[in-house]
Amino acid sequence: MSDHEIDASVLIGSLKTEYKTIEAMVKIYCKDHHGSKMLCKECVDFLNYALTKLDRCPYGEEKPTCKLCPIHCYKADYKERSRIIMRYSGPKMLYHHPILAIRHLVAGKKPVPVKPAPNASNRHKRKLNQQ
């Protein structure tokens, strides 16, 4: 685990990559705005929320980028916080994490998949595998 107590090992495939991208953006934002080497409580809370939403995304691994997604699952305050973090960190990602940044840009060009099948979320798949 990194410098905070979030276990992203529950995510698989592209969802794990998307979480790594969000985590990198939050770390850039937190370091520059909250002035500590470790993530602050507010940013850890945001990452926990993002992890939960990624895990429960009805699209599962076929998930489009949040900006293009027709299902808006973030609560208004988290959505606004996400927008602020991404607007600030996005341009800096090319310097700090170029591969993650390019992957995210490419993912943003993919067409949005049709309505997801029932139980396609990462959470549902994980629960089926545990049985």
C-alpha atoms as a PDB file:
ATOM      1  CA  MET A   1       0.000   0.000   0.000  1.00  0.00           C
ATOM      2  CA  SER A   2       1.033   3.591  -0.474  1.00  0.00           C
ATOM      3  CA  ASP A   3       1.185   6.415   2.062  1.00  0.00           C
ATOM      4  CA  HIS A   4      -2.499   6.098   2.947  1.00  0.00           C
ATOM      5  CA  GLU A   5      -4.726   3.235   4.026  1.00  0.00           C
ATOM      6  CA  ILE A   6      -6.655   2.435   0.854  1.00  0.00           C
ATOM      7  CA  ASP A   7      -6.595  -1.085  -0.520  1.00  0.00           C
ATOM      8  CA  ALA A   8      -7.226  -0.923  -4.260  1.00  0.00           C
ATOM      9  CA  SER A   9      -6.454  -4.622  -4.728  1.00  0.00           C
ATOM     10  CA  VAL A  10     -10.205  -5.264  -5.065  1.00  0.00           C
ATOM     11  CA  LEU A  11     -10.143  -3.649  -8.521  1.00  0.00           C
ATOM     12  CA  ILE A  12      -9.234  -5.563 -11.653  1.00  0.00           C
ATOM     13  CA  GLY A  13      -7.924  -4.660 -15.093  1.00  0.00           C
ATOM     14  CA  SER A  14      -8.756  -1.229 -16.467  1.00  0.00           C
ATOM     15  CA  LEU A  15     -10.467  -0.218 -13.222  1.00  0.00           C
ATOM     16  CA  LYS A  16      -7.184  -0.622 -11.362  1.00  0.00           C
ATOM     17  CA  THR A  17      -5.442   1.559 -13.965  1.00  0.00           C
ATOM     18  CA  GLU A  18      -8.159   4.187 -13.651  1.00  0.00           C
ATOM     19  CA  TYR A  19      -7.733   4.172  -9.876  1.00  0.00           C
ATOM     20  CA  LYS A  20      -3.957   4.602 -10.245  1.00  0.00           C
ATOM     21  CA  THR A  21      -4.643   7.623 -12.470  1.00  0.00           C
ATOM     22  CA  ILE A  22      -7.035   9.182  -9.962  1.00  0.00           C
ATOM     23  CA  GLU A  23      -4.608   8.464  -7.131  1.00  0.00           C
ATOM     24  CA  ALA A  24      -1.724  10.114  -9.010  1.00  0.00           C
ATOM     25  CA  MET A  25      -3.844  13.195  -9.707  1.00  0.00           C
ATOM     26  CA  VAL A  26      -4.942  13.462  -6.078  1.00  0.00           C
ATOM     27  CA  LYS A  27      -1.339  13.156  -4.879  1.00  0.00           C
ATOM     28  CA  ILE A  28      -0.261  16.003  -7.170  1.00  0.00           C
ATOM     29  CA  TYR A  29      -3.176  18.158  -6.059  1.00  0.00           C
ATOM     30  CA  CYS A  30      -2.787  17.426  -2.342  1.00  0.00           C
ATOM     31  CA  LYS A  31       0.953  18.048  -2.323  1.00  0.00           C
ATOM     32  CA  ASP A  32       0.538  21.420  -4.047  1.00  0.00           C
ATOM     33  CA  HIS A  33      -2.583  22.593  -2.196  1.00  0.00           C
ATOM     34  CA  HIS A  34      -2.417  20.986   1.225  1.00  0.00           C
ATOM     35  CA  GLY A  35       1.359  21.093   1.608  1.00  0.00           C
ATOM     36  CA  SER A  36       2.212  17.686   3.011  1.00  0.00           C
ATOM     37  CA  LYS A  37       4.092  14.696   1.670  1.00  0.00           C
ATOM     38  CA  MET A  38       1.353  12.331   2.796  1.00  0.00           C
ATOM     39  CA  LEU A  39      -2.243  12.667   1.688  1.00  0.00           C
ATOM     40  CA  CYS A  40      -4.465  14.713   3.960  1.00  0.00           C
ATOM     41  CA  LYS A  41      -7.670  13.364   5.472  1.00  0.00           C
ATOM     42  CA  GLU A  42      -9.833  15.120   2.866  1.00  0.00           C
ATOM     43  CA  CYS A  43      -7.908  13.596  -0.051  1.00  0.00           C
ATOM     44  CA  VAL A  44      -7.913  10.116   1.512  1.00  0.00           C
ATOM     45  CA  ASP A  45     -11.685  10.459   1.901  1.00  0.00           C
ATOM     46  CA  PHE A  46     -11.997  11.406  -1.774  1.00  0.00           C
ATOM     47  CA  LEU A  47      -9.864   8.424  -2.858  1.00  0.00           C
ATOM     48  CA  ASN A  48     -11.943   6.050  -0.740  1.00  0.00           C
ATOM     49  CA  TYR A  49     -15.077   7.430  -2.375  1.00  0.00           C
ATOM     50  CA  ALA A  50     -13.559   7.077  -5.863  1.00  0.00           C
ATOM     51  CA  LEU A  51     -12.504   3.492  -5.102  1.00  0.00           C
ATOM     52  CA  THR A  52     -16.038   2.618  -3.993  1.00  0.00           C
ATOM     53  CA  LYS A  53     -17.549   4.165  -7.108  1.00  0.00           C
ATOM     54  CA  LEU A  54     -15.078   2.377  -9.406  1.00  0.00           C
ATOM     55  CA  ASP A  55     -15.779  -0.925  -7.666  1.00  0.00           C
ATOM     56  CA  ARG A  56     -19.535  -0.463  -8.069  1.00  0.00           C
ATOM     57  CA  CYS A  57     -19.557   1.037 -11.561  1.00  0.00           C
ATOM     58  CA  PRO A  58     -22.305  -0.722 -13.539  1.00  0.00           C
ATOM     59  CA  TYR A  59     -20.078  -0.752 -16.640  1.00  0.00           C
ATOM     60  CA  GLY A  60     -17.391  -2.792 -14.887  1.00  0.00           C
ATOM     61  CA  GLU A  61     -14.215  -3.044 -16.932  1.00  0.00           C
ATOM     62  CA  GLU A  62     -15.982  -1.502 -19.934  1.00  0.00           C
ATOM     63  CA  LYS A  63     -16.297   1.744 -17.977  1.00  0.00           C
ATOM     64  CA  PRO A  64     -15.927   4.918 -20.056  1.00  0.00           C
ATOM     65  CA  THR A  65     -14.135   7.915 -18.587  1.00  0.00           C
ATOM     66  CA  CYS A  66     -16.335   9.687 -16.039  1.00  0.00           C
ATOM     67  CA  LYS A  67     -16.529  12.793 -18.209  1.00  0.00           C
ATOM     68  CA  LEU A  68     -18.264  10.808 -20.994  1.00  0.00           C
ATOM     69  CA  CYS A  69     -20.302   8.449 -18.827  1.00  0.00           C
ATOM     70  CA  PRO A  70     -24.094   8.775 -19.102  1.00  0.00           C
ATOM     71  CA  ILE A  71     -24.447   7.490 -15.510  1.00  0.00           C
ATOM     72  CA  HIS A  72     -23.428  10.210 -13.065  1.00  0.00           C
ATOM     73  CA  CYS A  73     -22.737   8.296  -9.865  1.00  0.00           C
ATOM     74  CA  TYR A  74     -20.702  10.864  -7.892  1.00  0.00           C
ATOM     75  CA  LYS A  75     -22.555  13.026  -5.374  1.00  0.00           C
ATOM     76  CA  ALA A  76     -22.461  16.715  -6.275  1.00  0.00           C
ATOM     77  CA  ASP A  77     -19.748  17.700  -3.774  1.00  0.00           C
ATOM     78  CA  TYR A  78     -17.456  14.822  -4.781  1.00  0.00           C
ATOM     79  CA  LYS A  79     -18.111  15.515  -8.455  1.00  0.00           C
ATOM     80  CA  GLU A  80     -17.053  19.131  -7.972  1.00  0.00           C
ATOM     81  CA  ARG A  81     -13.974  18.079  -5.987  1.00  0.00           C
ATOM     82  CA  SER A  82     -13.081  15.635  -8.775  1.00  0.00           C
ATOM     83  CA  ARG A  83     -13.441  18.370 -11.383  1.00  0.00           C
ATOM     84  CA  ILE A  84     -11.179  20.717  -9.407  1.00  0.00           C
ATOM     85  CA  ILE A  85      -8.536  18.030  -8.817  1.00  0.00           C
ATOM     86  CA  MET A  86      -8.511  16.873 -12.440  1.00  0.00           C
ATOM     87  CA  ARG A  87      -8.453  20.381 -13.866  1.00  0.00           C
ATOM     88  CA  TYR A  88      -5.417  21.214 -11.734  1.00  0.00           C
ATOM     89  CA  SER A  89      -3.556  17.907 -12.001  1.00  0.00           C
ATOM     90  CA  GLY A  90      -4.400  16.943 -15.574  1.00  0.00           C
ATOM     91  CA  PRO A  91      -1.772  19.108 -17.296  1.00  0.00           C
ATOM     92  CA  LYS A  92       0.832  18.126 -14.694  1.00  0.00           C
ATOM     93  CA  MET A  93       0.183  14.431 -15.313  1.00  0.00           C
ATOM     94  CA  LEU A  94       2.036  14.540 -18.640  1.00  0.00           C
ATOM     95  CA  TYR A  95       5.182  15.472 -16.750  1.00  0.00           C
ATOM     96  CA  HIS A  96       4.758  13.354 -13.601  1.00  0.00           C
ATOM     97  CA  HIS A  97       2.978  10.269 -15.001  1.00  0.00           C
ATOM     98  CA  PRO A  98       3.080  10.396 -18.810  1.00  0.00           C
ATOM     99  CA  ILE A  99       1.944   6.806 -19.407  1.00  0.00           C
ATOM    100  CA  LEU A 100      -1.109   7.136 -17.143  1.00  0.00           C
ATOM    101  CA  ALA A 101      -1.924  10.506 -18.719  1.00  0.00           C
ATOM    102  CA  ILE A 102      -1.755   9.164 -22.267  1.00  0.00           C
ATOM    103  CA  ARG A 103      -3.819   6.095 -21.345  1.00  0.00           C
ATOM    104  CA  HIS A 104      -6.470   8.366 -19.876  1.00  0.00           C
ATOM    105  CA  LEU A 105      -6.496  10.577 -22.976  1.00  0.00           C
ATOM    106  CA  VAL A 106      -6.848   7.517 -25.228  1.00  0.00           C
ATOM    107  CA  ALA A 107      -9.648   6.117 -23.035  1.00  0.00           C
ATOM    108  CA  GLY A 108     -11.464   9.431 -23.421  1.00  0.00           C
ATOM    109  CA  LYS A 109     -11.585   8.895 -27.190  1.00  0.00           C
ATOM    110  CA  LYS A 110     -13.258   5.481 -27.006  1.00  0.00           C
ATOM    111  CA  PRO A 111     -16.985   5.362 -27.691  1.00  0.00           C
ATOM    112  CA  VAL A 112     -19.277   4.948 -24.700  1.00  0.00           C
ATOM    113  CA  PRO A 113     -20.490   1.340 -24.514  1.00  0.00           C
ATOM    114  CA  VAL A 114     -24.181   0.509 -24.637  1.00  0.00           C
ATOM    115  CA  LYS A 115     -26.127   0.198 -21.409  1.00  0.00           C
ATOM    116  CA  PRO A 116     -24.260  -2.199 -19.136  1.00  0.00           C
ATOM    117  CA  ALA A 117     -25.513  -5.709 -18.497  1.00  0.00           C
ATOM    118  CA  PRO A 118     -26.868  -6.415 -15.013  1.00  0.00           C
ATOM    119  CA  ASN A 119     -24.223  -7.436 -12.472  1.00  0.00           C
ATOM    120  CA  ALA A 120     -21.284  -6.319 -14.647  1.00  0.00           C
ATOM    121  CA  SER A 121     -19.676  -4.300 -11.871  1.00  0.00           C
ATOM    122  CA  ASN A 122     -16.345  -5.266 -10.371  1.00  0.00           C
ATOM    123  CA  ARG A 123     -18.102  -5.761  -7.021  1.00  0.00           C
ATOM    124  CA  HIS A 124     -20.571  -8.292  -8.445  1.00  0.00           C
ATOM    125  CA  LYS A 125     -17.792 -10.236 -10.178  1.00  0.00           C
ATOM    126  CA  ARG A 126     -15.736 -10.284  -6.999  1.00  0.00           C
ATOM    127  CA  LYS A 127     -18.649 -11.568  -4.937  1.00  0.00           C
ATOM    128  CA  LEU A 128     -19.349 -14.326  -7.484  1.00  0.00           C
ATOM    129  CA  ASN A 129     -15.710 -15.447  -7.315  1.00  0.00           C
ATOM    130  CA  GLN A 130     -15.842 -15.623  -3.506  1.00  0.00           C
ATOM    131  CA  GLN A 131     -18.722 -18.104  -3.533  1.00  0.00           C
END
